[in-house]
Amino acid sequence: MKILRCPLNGPRNVSEFAYGGEVVAMPDPAAASDAEWADHVFLEDNRRGVVREWWLHVATDYWFIAERDTATDEIVRTCPASEVFAERVSFAAPDDEGGRA
């Protein structure tokens, strides 16, 4: 049985988690083309070595970051997303779209 340490819930069976993709820089929401968004959402580097990844503890809907060695599948460490990201990104619609805010 493989165990993954959730920063919120502690060590849990890996079957309680869902992989969310690599942690990568997001394109500028106001300036990115459809092709850039498609690349961001669907393509991964698939590098060998330690990679930061998004993981979800499904039972509690808690997203966190794990650093995993893709060559050995070893989880090096896990941490809350707030440890990596200092601020949230706003996706509010611009004011000039038909009077909607």
PDB file of N, CA and C in Angstrom:
ATOM      1  N   MET A   1       0.843  -1.173   0.000  1.00  0.00           N
ATOM      2  CA  MET A   1       0.000   0.000   0.000  1.00  0.00           C
ATOM      3  C   MET A   1       0.893   1.242   0.000  1.00  0.00           C
ATOM      4  N   LYS A   2       0.606   2.176  -0.897  1.00  0.00           N
ATOM      5  CA  LYS A   2       1.384   3.409  -0.980  1.00  0.00           C
ATOM      6  C   LYS A   2       0.701   4.486  -0.131  1.00  0.00           C
ATOM      7  N   ILE A   3       1.502   5.189   0.658  1.00  0.00           N
ATOM      8  CA  ILE A   3       0.999   6.224   1.552  1.00  0.00           C
ATOM      9  C   ILE A   3       1.448   7.593   1.044  1.00  0.00           C
ATOM     10  N   LEU A   4       0.535   8.554   1.056  1.00  0.00           N
ATOM     11  CA  LEU A   4       0.839   9.939   0.704  1.00  0.00           C
ATOM     12  C   LEU A   4       0.488  10.793   1.910  1.00  0.00           C
ATOM     13  N   ARG A   5       1.414  11.662   2.311  1.00  0.00           N
ATOM     14  CA  ARG A   5       1.197  12.510   3.485  1.00  0.00           C
ATOM     15  C   ARG A   5       0.495  13.802   3.066  1.00  0.00           C
ATOM     16  N   CYS A   6      -0.764  13.925   3.453  1.00  0.00           N
ATOM     17  CA  CYS A   6      -1.535  15.143   3.200  1.00  0.00           C
ATOM     18  C   CYS A   6      -1.180  16.172   4.274  1.00  0.00           C
ATOM     19  N   PRO A   7      -0.897  17.433   3.906  1.00  0.00           N
ATOM     20  CA  PRO A   7      -0.559  18.442   4.912  1.00  0.00           C
ATOM     21  C   PRO A   7      -1.708  18.719   5.891  1.00  0.00           C
ATOM     22  N   LEU A   8      -2.943  18.463   5.473  1.00  0.00           N
ATOM     23  CA  LEU A   8      -4.102  18.708   6.333  1.00  0.00           C
ATOM     24  C   LEU A   8      -4.512  17.469   7.120  1.00  0.00           C
ATOM     25  N   ASN A   9      -4.493  16.296   6.481  1.00  0.00           N
ATOM     26  CA  ASN A   9      -5.059  15.083   7.064  1.00  0.00           C
ATOM     27  C   ASN A   9      -4.033  14.034   7.482  1.00  0.00           C
ATOM     28  N   GLY A  10      -2.754  14.290   7.237  1.00  0.00           N
ATOM     29  CA  GLY A  10      -1.722  13.333   7.623  1.00  0.00           C
ATOM     30  C   GLY A  10      -1.576  12.205   6.615  1.00  0.00           C
ATOM     31  N   PRO A  11      -0.882  11.135   6.996  1.00  0.00           N
ATOM     32  CA  PRO A  11      -0.634  10.026   6.072  1.00  0.00           C
ATOM     33  C   PRO A  11      -1.936   9.298   5.721  1.00  0.00           C
ATOM     34  N   ARG A  12      -2.163   9.130   4.406  1.00  0.00           N
ATOM     35  CA  ARG A  12      -3.381   8.464   3.921  1.00  0.00           C
ATOM     36  C   ARG A  12      -3.022   7.538   2.766  1.00  0.00           C
ATOM     37  N   ASN A  13      -3.866   6.567   2.500  1.00  0.00           N
ATOM     38  CA  ASN A  13      -3.692   5.680   1.358  1.00  0.00           C
ATOM     39  C   ASN A  13      -3.786   6.497   0.079  1.00  0.00           C
ATOM     40  N   VAL A  14      -2.908   6.241  -0.875  1.00  0.00           N
ATOM     41  CA  VAL A  14      -2.854   7.028  -2.109  1.00  0.00           C
ATOM     42  C   VAL A  14      -4.168   6.948  -2.892  1.00  0.00           C
ATOM     43  N   SER A  15      -4.980   5.932  -2.647  1.00  0.00           N
ATOM     44  CA  SER A  15      -6.260   5.812  -3.347  1.00  0.00           C
ATOM     45  C   SER A  15      -7.238   6.924  -2.971  1.00  0.00           C
ATOM     46  N   GLU A  16      -6.949   7.682  -1.908  1.00  0.00           N
ATOM     47  CA  GLU A  16      -7.807   8.798  -1.490  1.00  0.00           C
ATOM     48  C   GLU A  16      -7.481  10.091  -2.238  1.00  0.00           C
ATOM     49  N   PHE A  17      -6.499  10.057  -3.134  1.00  0.00           N
ATOM     50  CA  PHE A  17      -6.024  11.274  -3.778  1.00  0.00           C
ATOM     51  C   PHE A  17      -6.227  11.235  -5.286  1.00  0.00           C
ATOM     52  N   ALA A  18      -6.271  12.415  -5.880  1.00  0.00           N
ATOM     53  CA  ALA A  18      -6.321  12.558  -7.335  1.00  0.00           C
ATOM     54  C   ALA A  18      -5.192  13.488  -7.760  1.00  0.00           C
ATOM     55  N   TYR A  19      -4.492  13.091  -8.810  1.00  0.00           N
ATOM     56  CA  TYR A  19      -3.392  13.888  -9.373  1.00  0.00           C
ATOM     57  C   TYR A  19      -3.988  15.079 -10.121  1.00  0.00           C
ATOM     58  N   GLY A  20      -3.393  16.256  -9.958  1.00  0.00           N
ATOM     59  CA  GLY A  20      -3.915  17.458 -10.592  1.00  0.00           C
ATOM     60  C   GLY A  20      -2.994  18.103 -11.602  1.00  0.00           C
ATOM     61  N   GLY A  21      -1.863  17.486 -11.908  1.00  0.00           N
ATOM     62  CA  GLY A  21      -0.947  18.050 -12.892  1.00  0.00           C
ATOM     63  C   GLY A  21       0.229  18.759 -12.259  1.00  0.00           C
ATOM     64  N   GLU A  22       1.178  19.136 -13.113  1.00  0.00           N
ATOM     65  CA  GLU A  22       2.376  19.834 -12.651  1.00  0.00           C
ATOM     66  C   GLU A  22       2.034  21.258 -12.227  1.00  0.00           C
ATOM     67  N   VAL A  23       2.792  21.770 -11.269  1.00  0.00           N
ATOM     68  CA  VAL A  23       2.672  23.167 -10.873  1.00  0.00           C
ATOM     69  C   VAL A  23       3.493  23.972 -11.869  1.00  0.00           C
ATOM     70  N   VAL A  24       2.821  24.769 -12.677  1.00  0.00           N
ATOM     71  CA  VAL A  24       3.490  25.600 -13.680  1.00  0.00           C
ATOM     72  C   VAL A  24       2.921  27.006 -13.625  1.00  0.00           C
ATOM     73  N   ALA A  25       3.686  27.961 -14.123  1.00  0.00           N
ATOM     74  CA  ALA A  25       3.234  29.343 -14.153  1.00  0.00           C
ATOM     75  C   ALA A  25       2.030  29.478 -15.081  1.00  0.00           C
ATOM     76  N   MET A  26       1.021  30.173 -14.621  1.00  0.00           N
ATOM     77  CA  MET A  26      -0.192  30.372 -15.397  1.00  0.00           C
ATOM     78  C   MET A  26      -0.017  31.549 -16.359  1.00  0.00           C
ATOM     79  N   PRO A  27      -0.525  31.437 -17.590  1.00  0.00           N
ATOM     80  CA  PRO A  27      -0.465  32.577 -18.504  1.00  0.00           C
ATOM     81  C   PRO A  27      -1.323  33.731 -17.983  1.00  0.00           C
ATOM     82  N   ASP A  28      -1.044  34.928 -18.457  1.00  0.00           N
ATOM     83  CA  ASP A  28      -1.822  36.103 -18.073  1.00  0.00           C
ATOM     84  C   ASP A  28      -3.254  35.932 -18.591  1.00  0.00           C
ATOM     85  N   PRO A  29      -4.262  35.880 -17.703  1.00  0.00           N
ATOM     86  CA  PRO A  29      -5.636  35.655 -18.146  1.00  0.00           C
ATOM     87  C   PRO A  29      -6.144  36.707 -19.132  1.00  0.00           C
ATOM     88  N   ALA A  30      -5.638  37.923 -19.045  1.00  0.00           N
ATOM     89  CA  ALA A  30      -6.117  38.995 -19.918  1.00  0.00           C
ATOM     90  C   ALA A  30      -5.425  39.006 -21.282  1.00  0.00           C
ATOM     91  N   ALA A  31      -4.265  38.377 -21.392  1.00  0.00           N
ATOM     92  CA  ALA A  31      -3.489  38.496 -22.630  1.00  0.00           C
ATOM     93  C   ALA A  31      -3.218  37.176 -23.351  1.00  0.00           C
ATOM     94  N   ALA A  32      -3.452  36.058 -22.717  1.00  0.00           N
ATOM     95  CA  ALA A  32      -3.094  34.773 -23.316  1.00  0.00           C
ATOM     96  C   ALA A  32      -4.046  34.385 -24.442  1.00  0.00           C
ATOM     97  N   SER A  33      -3.494  33.786 -25.464  1.00  0.00           N
ATOM     98  CA  SER A  33      -4.302  33.297 -26.591  1.00  0.00           C
ATOM     99  C   SER A  33      -4.941  31.960 -26.211  1.00  0.00           C
ATOM    100  N   ASP A  34      -5.880  31.516 -27.023  1.00  0.00           N
ATOM    101  CA  ASP A  34      -6.498  30.206 -26.793  1.00  0.00           C
ATOM    102  C   ASP A  34      -5.451  29.094 -26.859  1.00  0.00           C
ATOM    103  N   ALA A  35      -4.499  29.222 -27.771  1.00  0.00           N
ATOM    104  CA  ALA A  35      -3.440  28.209 -27.910  1.00  0.00           C
ATOM    105  C   ALA A  35      -2.568  28.163 -26.653  1.00  0.00           C
ATOM    106  N   GLU A  36      -2.252  29.325 -26.085  1.00  0.00           N
ATOM    107  CA  GLU A  36      -1.447  29.357 -24.857  1.00  0.00           C
ATOM    108  C   GLU A  36      -2.209  28.719 -23.700  1.00  0.00           C
ATOM    109  N   TRP A  37      -3.508  28.972 -23.610  1.00  0.00           N
ATOM    110  CA  TRP A  37      -4.317  28.356 -22.554  1.00  0.00           C
ATOM    111  C   TRP A  37      -4.391  26.851 -22.752  1.00  0.00           C
ATOM    112  N   ALA A  38      -4.565  26.399 -23.983  1.00  0.00           N
ATOM    113  CA  ALA A  38      -4.621  24.963 -24.269  1.00  0.00           C
ATOM    114  C   ALA A  38      -3.304  24.295 -23.863  1.00  0.00           C
ATOM    115  N   ASP A  39      -2.178  24.912 -24.191  1.00  0.00           N
ATOM    116  CA  ASP A  39      -0.876  24.371 -23.791  1.00  0.00           C
ATOM    117  C   ASP A  39      -0.776  24.287 -22.266  1.00  0.00           C
ATOM    118  N   HIS A  40      -1.219  25.344 -21.588  1.00  0.00           N
ATOM    119  CA  HIS A  40      -1.145  25.386 -20.126  1.00  0.00           C
ATOM    120  C   HIS A  40      -1.998  24.283 -19.492  1.00  0.00           C
ATOM    121  N   VAL A  41      -3.187  24.071 -20.019  1.00  0.00           N
ATOM    122  CA  VAL A  41      -4.118  23.113 -19.424  1.00  0.00           C
ATOM    123  C   VAL A  41      -3.781  21.665 -19.772  1.00  0.00           C
ATOM    124  N   PHE A  42      -3.374  21.408 -21.030  1.00  0.00           N
ATOM    125  CA  PHE A  42      -3.285  20.031 -21.496  1.00  0.00           C
ATOM    126  C   PHE A  42      -1.872  19.457 -21.657  1.00  0.00           C
ATOM    127  N   LEU A  43      -0.837  20.293 -21.734  1.00  0.00           N
ATOM    128  CA  LEU A  43       0.512  19.777 -21.978  1.00  0.00           C
ATOM    129  C   LEU A  43       1.357  19.814 -20.705  1.00  0.00           C
ATOM    130  N   GLU A  44       2.196  18.794 -20.540  1.00  0.00           N
ATOM    131  CA  GLU A  44       3.115  18.740 -19.417  1.00  0.00           C
ATOM    132  C   GLU A  44       4.527  18.482 -19.937  1.00  0.00           C
ATOM    133  N   ASP A  45       5.530  18.910 -19.170  1.00  0.00           N
ATOM    134  CA  ASP A  45       6.920  18.694 -19.569  1.00  0.00           C
ATOM    135  C   ASP A  45       7.336  17.235 -19.439  1.00  0.00           C
ATOM    136  N   ASN A  46       6.760  16.529 -18.459  1.00  0.00           N
ATOM    137  CA  ASN A  46       7.076  15.119 -18.224  1.00  0.00           C
ATOM    138  C   ASN A  46       8.578  14.905 -18.019  1.00  0.00           C
ATOM    139  N   ARG A  47       9.165  15.753 -17.168  1.00  0.00           N
ATOM    140  CA  ARG A  47      10.599  15.685 -16.890  1.00  0.00           C
ATOM    141  C   ARG A  47      10.950  14.550 -15.932  1.00  0.00           C
ATOM    142  N   ARG A  48      12.162  14.093 -16.034  1.00  0.00           N
ATOM    143  CA  ARG A  48      12.697  13.101 -15.099  1.00  0.00           C
ATOM    144  C   ARG A  48      13.331  13.851 -13.938  1.00  0.00           C
ATOM    145  N   GLY A  49      13.026  13.441 -12.726  1.00  0.00           N
ATOM    146  CA  GLY A  49      13.569  14.090 -11.541  1.00  0.00           C
ATOM    147  C   GLY A  49      12.456  14.610 -10.652  1.00  0.00           C
ATOM    148  N   VAL A  50      12.796  15.497  -9.724  1.00  0.00           N
ATOM    149  CA  VAL A  50      11.819  16.021  -8.764  1.00  0.00           C
ATOM    150  C   VAL A  50      10.978  17.099  -9.432  1.00  0.00           C
ATOM    151  N   VAL A  51       9.661  16.912  -9.356  1.00  0.00           N
ATOM    152  CA  VAL A  51       8.692  17.813  -9.995  1.00  0.00           C
ATOM    153  C   VAL A  51       7.649  18.201  -8.955  1.00  0.00           C
ATOM    154  N   ARG A  52       7.226  19.467  -8.979  1.00  0.00           N
ATOM    155  CA  ARG A  52       6.124  19.907  -8.122  1.00  0.00           C
ATOM    156  C   ARG A  52       4.809  19.601  -8.822  1.00  0.00           C
ATOM    157  N   GLU A  53       3.886  19.004  -8.055  1.00  0.00           N
ATOM    158  CA  GLU A  53       2.606  18.598  -8.628  1.00  0.00           C
ATOM    159  C   GLU A  53       1.455  18.995  -7.705  1.00  0.00           C
ATOM    160  N   TRP A  54       0.295  19.248  -8.315  1.00  0.00           N
ATOM    161  CA  TRP A  54      -0.938  19.456  -7.570  1.00  0.00           C
ATOM    162  C   TRP A  54      -1.537  18.102  -7.233  1.00  0.00           C
ATOM    163  N   TRP A  55      -1.994  17.939  -5.987  1.00  0.00           N
ATOM    164  CA  TRP A  55      -2.702  16.737  -5.562  1.00  0.00           C
ATOM    165  C   TRP A  55      -3.939  17.161  -4.779  1.00  0.00           C
ATOM    166  N   LEU A  56      -4.988  16.362  -4.891  1.00  0.00           N
ATOM    167  CA  LEU A  56      -6.254  16.627  -4.209  1.00  0.00           C
ATOM    168  C   LEU A  56      -6.575  15.467  -3.277  1.00  0.00           C
ATOM    169  N   HIS A  57      -6.836  15.784  -2.008  1.00  0.00           N
ATOM    170  CA  HIS A  57      -7.398  14.764  -1.114  1.00  0.00           C
ATOM    171  C   HIS A  57      -8.896  14.802  -1.350  1.00  0.00           C
ATOM    172  N   VAL A  58      -9.395  13.789  -2.030  1.00  0.00           N
ATOM    173  CA  VAL A  58     -10.770  13.783  -2.529  1.00  0.00           C
ATOM    174  C   VAL A  58     -11.790  13.874  -1.399  1.00  0.00           C
ATOM    175  N   ALA A  59     -11.571  13.163  -0.312  1.00  0.00           N
ATOM    176  CA  ALA A  59     -12.560  13.129   0.772  1.00  0.00           C
ATOM    177  C   ALA A  59     -12.802  14.498   1.408  1.00  0.00           C
ATOM    178  N   THR A  60     -11.771  15.347   1.445  1.00  0.00           N
ATOM    179  CA  THR A  60     -11.922  16.667   2.070  1.00  0.00           C
ATOM    180  C   THR A  60     -11.862  17.809   1.066  1.00  0.00           C
ATOM    181  N   ASP A  61     -11.665  17.487  -0.214  1.00  0.00           N
ATOM    182  CA  ASP A  61     -11.560  18.501  -1.263  1.00  0.00           C
ATOM    183  C   ASP A  61     -10.426  19.487  -0.973  1.00  0.00           C
ATOM    184  N   TYR A  62      -9.316  18.974  -0.458  1.00  0.00           N
ATOM    185  CA  TYR A  62      -8.160  19.802  -0.084  1.00  0.00           C
ATOM    186  C   TYR A  62      -7.056  19.652  -1.121  1.00  0.00           C
ATOM    187  N   TRP A  63      -6.714  20.769  -1.780  1.00  0.00           N
ATOM    188  CA  TRP A  63      -5.630  20.793  -2.761  1.00  0.00           C
ATOM    189  C   TRP A  63      -4.325  21.165  -2.066  1.00  0.00           C
ATOM    190  N   PHE A  64      -3.254  20.482  -2.437  1.00  0.00           N
ATOM    191  CA  PHE A  64      -1.936  20.778  -1.883  1.00  0.00           C
ATOM    192  C   PHE A  64      -0.875  20.451  -2.932  1.00  0.00           C
ATOM    193  N   ILE A  65       0.376  20.716  -2.593  1.00  0.00           N
ATOM    194  CA  ILE A  65       1.482  20.496  -3.517  1.00  0.00           C
ATOM    195  C   ILE A  65       2.382  19.385  -2.980  1.00  0.00           C
ATOM    196  N   ALA A  66       2.769  18.488  -3.886  1.00  0.00           N
ATOM    197  CA  ALA A  66       3.720  17.428  -3.548  1.00  0.00           C
ATOM    198  C   ALA A  66       4.921  17.550  -4.476  1.00  0.00           C
ATOM    199  N   GLU A  67       6.082  17.323  -3.944  1.00  0.00           N
ATOM    200  CA  GLU A  67       7.288  17.231  -4.756  1.00  0.00           C
ATOM    201  C   GLU A  67       7.592  15.748  -4.900  1.00  0.00           C
ATOM    202  N   ARG A  68       7.545  15.255  -6.148  1.00  0.00           N
ATOM    203  CA  ARG A  68       7.682  13.820  -6.422  1.00  0.00           C
ATOM    204  C   ARG A  68       8.817  13.583  -7.398  1.00  0.00           C
ATOM    205  N   ASP A  69       9.635  12.577  -7.117  1.00  0.00           N
ATOM    206  CA  ASP A  69      10.694  12.170  -8.038  1.00  0.00           C
ATOM    207  C   ASP A  69      10.058  11.253  -9.079  1.00  0.00           C
ATOM    208  N   THR A  70       9.983  11.718 -10.315  1.00  0.00           N
ATOM    209  CA  THR A  70       9.315  10.952 -11.370  1.00  0.00           C
ATOM    210  C   THR A  70      10.099   9.706 -11.780  1.00  0.00           C
ATOM    211  N   ALA A  71      11.388   9.653 -11.465  1.00  0.00           N
ATOM    212  CA  ALA A  71      12.189   8.477 -11.803  1.00  0.00           C
ATOM    213  C   ALA A  71      11.921   7.321 -10.839  1.00  0.00           C
ATOM    214  N   THR A  72      11.677   7.640  -9.562  1.00  0.00           N
ATOM    215  CA  THR A  72      11.482   6.599  -8.547  1.00  0.00           C
ATOM    216  C   THR A  72      10.054   6.554  -8.009  1.00  0.00           C
ATOM    217  N   ASP A  73       9.233   7.550  -8.348  1.00  0.00           N
ATOM    218  CA  ASP A  73       7.865   7.716  -7.850  1.00  0.00           C
ATOM    219  C   ASP A  73       7.836   7.974  -6.343  1.00  0.00           C
ATOM    220  N   GLU A  74       8.955   8.433  -5.785  1.00  0.00           N
ATOM    221  CA  GLU A  74       9.030   8.743  -4.360  1.00  0.00           C
ATOM    222  C   GLU A  74       8.505  10.158  -4.112  1.00  0.00           C
ATOM    223  N   ILE A  75       7.646  10.304  -3.096  1.00  0.00           N
ATOM    224  CA  ILE A  75       7.178  11.628  -2.680  1.00  0.00           C
ATOM    225  C   ILE A  75       8.250  12.203  -1.764  1.00  0.00           C
ATOM    226  N   VAL A  76       8.875  13.295  -2.203  1.00  0.00           N
ATOM    227  CA  VAL A  76       9.956  13.909  -1.434  1.00  0.00           C
ATOM    228  C   VAL A  76       9.391  14.709  -0.269  1.00  0.00           C
ATOM    229  N   ARG A  77       8.354  15.501  -0.546  1.00  0.00           N
ATOM    230  CA  ARG A  77       7.695  16.275   0.509  1.00  0.00           C
ATOM    231  C   ARG A  77       6.351  16.766   0.016  1.00  0.00           C
ATOM    232  N   THR A  78       5.492  17.165   0.944  1.00  0.00           N
ATOM    233  CA  THR A  78       4.214  17.784   0.614  1.00  0.00           C
ATOM    234  C   THR A  78       4.089  19.072   1.419  1.00  0.00           C
ATOM    235  N   CYS A  79       3.297  20.003   0.899  1.00  0.00           N
ATOM    236  CA  CYS A  79       3.106  21.268   1.602  1.00  0.00           C
ATOM    237  C   CYS A  79       1.793  21.914   1.163  1.00  0.00           C
ATOM    238  N   PRO A  80       1.239  22.799   2.005  1.00  0.00           N
ATOM    239  CA  PRO A  80       0.049  23.537   1.591  1.00  0.00           C
ATOM    240  C   PRO A  80       0.399  24.441   0.406  1.00  0.00           C
ATOM    241  N   ALA A  81      -0.546  24.714  -0.456  1.00  0.00           N
ATOM    242  CA  ALA A  81      -0.305  25.586  -1.611  1.00  0.00           C
ATOM    243  C   ALA A  81       0.121  26.981  -1.176  1.00  0.00           C
ATOM    244  N   SER A  82      -0.330  27.427  -0.012  1.00  0.00           N
ATOM    245  CA  SER A  82       0.031  28.757   0.481  1.00  0.00           C
ATOM    246  C   SER A  82       1.516  28.905   0.734  1.00  0.00           C
ATOM    247  N   GLU A  83       2.228  27.792   0.873  1.00  0.00           N
ATOM    248  CA  GLU A  83       3.671  27.840   1.058  1.00  0.00           C
ATOM    249  C   GLU A  83       4.391  28.214  -0.240  1.00  0.00           C
ATOM    250  N   VAL A  84       3.749  27.945  -1.382  1.00  0.00           N
ATOM    251  CA  VAL A  84       4.346  28.220  -2.688  1.00  0.00           C
ATOM    252  C   VAL A  84       3.759  29.483  -3.314  1.00  0.00           C
ATOM    253  N   PHE A  85       2.463  29.702  -3.099  1.00  0.00           N
ATOM    254  CA  PHE A  85       1.775  30.840  -3.711  1.00  0.00           C
ATOM    255  C   PHE A  85       1.352  31.825  -2.639  1.00  0.00           C
ATOM    256  N   ALA A  86       1.848  33.060  -2.742  1.00  0.00           N
ATOM    257  CA  ALA A  86       1.582  34.071  -1.729  1.00  0.00           C
ATOM    258  C   ALA A  86       0.234  34.767  -1.920  1.00  0.00           C
ATOM    259  N   GLU A  87      -0.259  34.805  -3.153  1.00  0.00           N
ATOM    260  CA  GLU A  87      -1.517  35.516  -3.391  1.00  0.00           C
ATOM    261  C   GLU A  87      -2.402  34.733  -4.354  1.00  0.00           C
ATOM    262  N   ARG A  88      -3.698  35.025  -4.299  1.00  0.00           N
ATOM    263  CA  ARG A  88      -4.661  34.368  -5.173  1.00  0.00           C
ATOM    264  C   ARG A  88      -4.797  35.161  -6.471  1.00  0.00           C
ATOM    265  N   VAL A  89      -5.219  34.502  -7.534  1.00  0.00           N
ATOM    266  CA  VAL A  89      -5.445  35.146  -8.826  1.00  0.00           C
ATOM    267  C   VAL A  89      -6.927  35.400  -8.984  1.00  0.00           C
ATOM    268  N   SER A  90      -7.285  36.622  -9.353  1.00  0.00           N
ATOM    269  CA  SER A  90      -8.689  36.973  -9.559  1.00  0.00           C
ATOM    270  C   SER A  90      -9.065  36.761 -11.016  1.00  0.00           C
ATOM    271  N   PHE A  91     -10.216  36.141 -11.234  1.00  0.00           N
ATOM    272  CA  PHE A  91     -10.713  35.916 -12.586  1.00  0.00           C
ATOM    273  C   PHE A  91     -11.987  36.714 -12.827  1.00  0.00           C
ATOM    274  N   ALA A  92     -12.127  37.852 -12.173  1.00  0.00           N
ATOM    275  CA  ALA A  92     -13.314  38.684 -12.327  1.00  0.00           C
ATOM    276  C   ALA A  92     -13.435  39.170 -13.766  1.00  0.00           C
ATOM    277  N   ALA A  93     -14.665  39.180 -14.265  1.00  0.00           N
ATOM    278  CA  ALA A  93     -14.921  39.652 -15.624  1.00  0.00           C
ATOM    279  C   ALA A  93     -14.704  41.151 -15.709  1.00  0.00           C
ATOM    280  N   PRO A  94     -14.189  41.650 -16.850  1.00  0.00           N
ATOM    281  CA  PRO A  94     -14.009  43.101 -17.000  1.00  0.00           C
ATOM    282  C   PRO A  94     -15.362  43.808 -16.970  1.00  0.00           C
ATOM    283  N   ASP A  95     -15.356  45.080 -16.547  1.00  0.00           N
ATOM    284  CA  ASP A  95     -16.582  45.873 -16.433  1.00  0.00           C
ATOM    285  C   ASP A  95     -17.212  46.219 -17.769  1.00  0.00           C
ATOM    286  N   ASP A  96     -16.447  46.220 -18.858  1.00  0.00           N
ATOM    287  CA  ASP A  96     -16.938  46.714 -20.130  1.00  0.00           C
ATOM    288  C   ASP A  96     -17.674  45.647 -20.972  1.00  0.00           C
ATOM    289  N   GLU A  97     -18.006  44.504 -20.410  1.00  0.00           N
ATOM    290  CA  GLU A  97     -18.689  43.464 -21.179  1.00  0.00           C
ATOM    291  C   GLU A  97     -20.199  43.537 -20.947  1.00  0.00           C
ATOM    292  N   GLY A  98     -20.859  44.456 -21.637  1.00  0.00           N
ATOM    293  CA  GLY A  98     -22.299  44.548 -21.583  1.00  0.00           C
ATOM    294  C   GLY A  98     -22.856  44.924 -20.225  1.00  0.00           C
ATOM    295  N   GLY A  99     -22.082  45.659 -19.460  1.00  0.00           N
ATOM    296  CA  GLY A  99     -22.542  46.121 -18.159  1.00  0.00           C
ATOM    297  C   GLY A  99     -22.421  45.101 -17.043  1.00  0.00           C
ATOM    298  N   ARG A 100     -21.869  43.923 -17.339  1.00  0.00           N
ATOM    299  CA  ARG A 100     -21.676  42.910 -16.304  1.00  0.00           C
ATOM    300  C   ARG A 100     -20.348  43.126 -15.587  1.00  0.00           C
ATOM    301  N   ALA A 101     -20.322  42.830 -14.324  1.00  0.00           N
ATOM    302  CA  ALA A 101     -19.083  42.972 -13.564  1.00  0.00           C
ATOM    303  C   ALA A 101     -18.633  41.649 -13.027  1.00  0.00           C
TER     304      ALA A 101
END
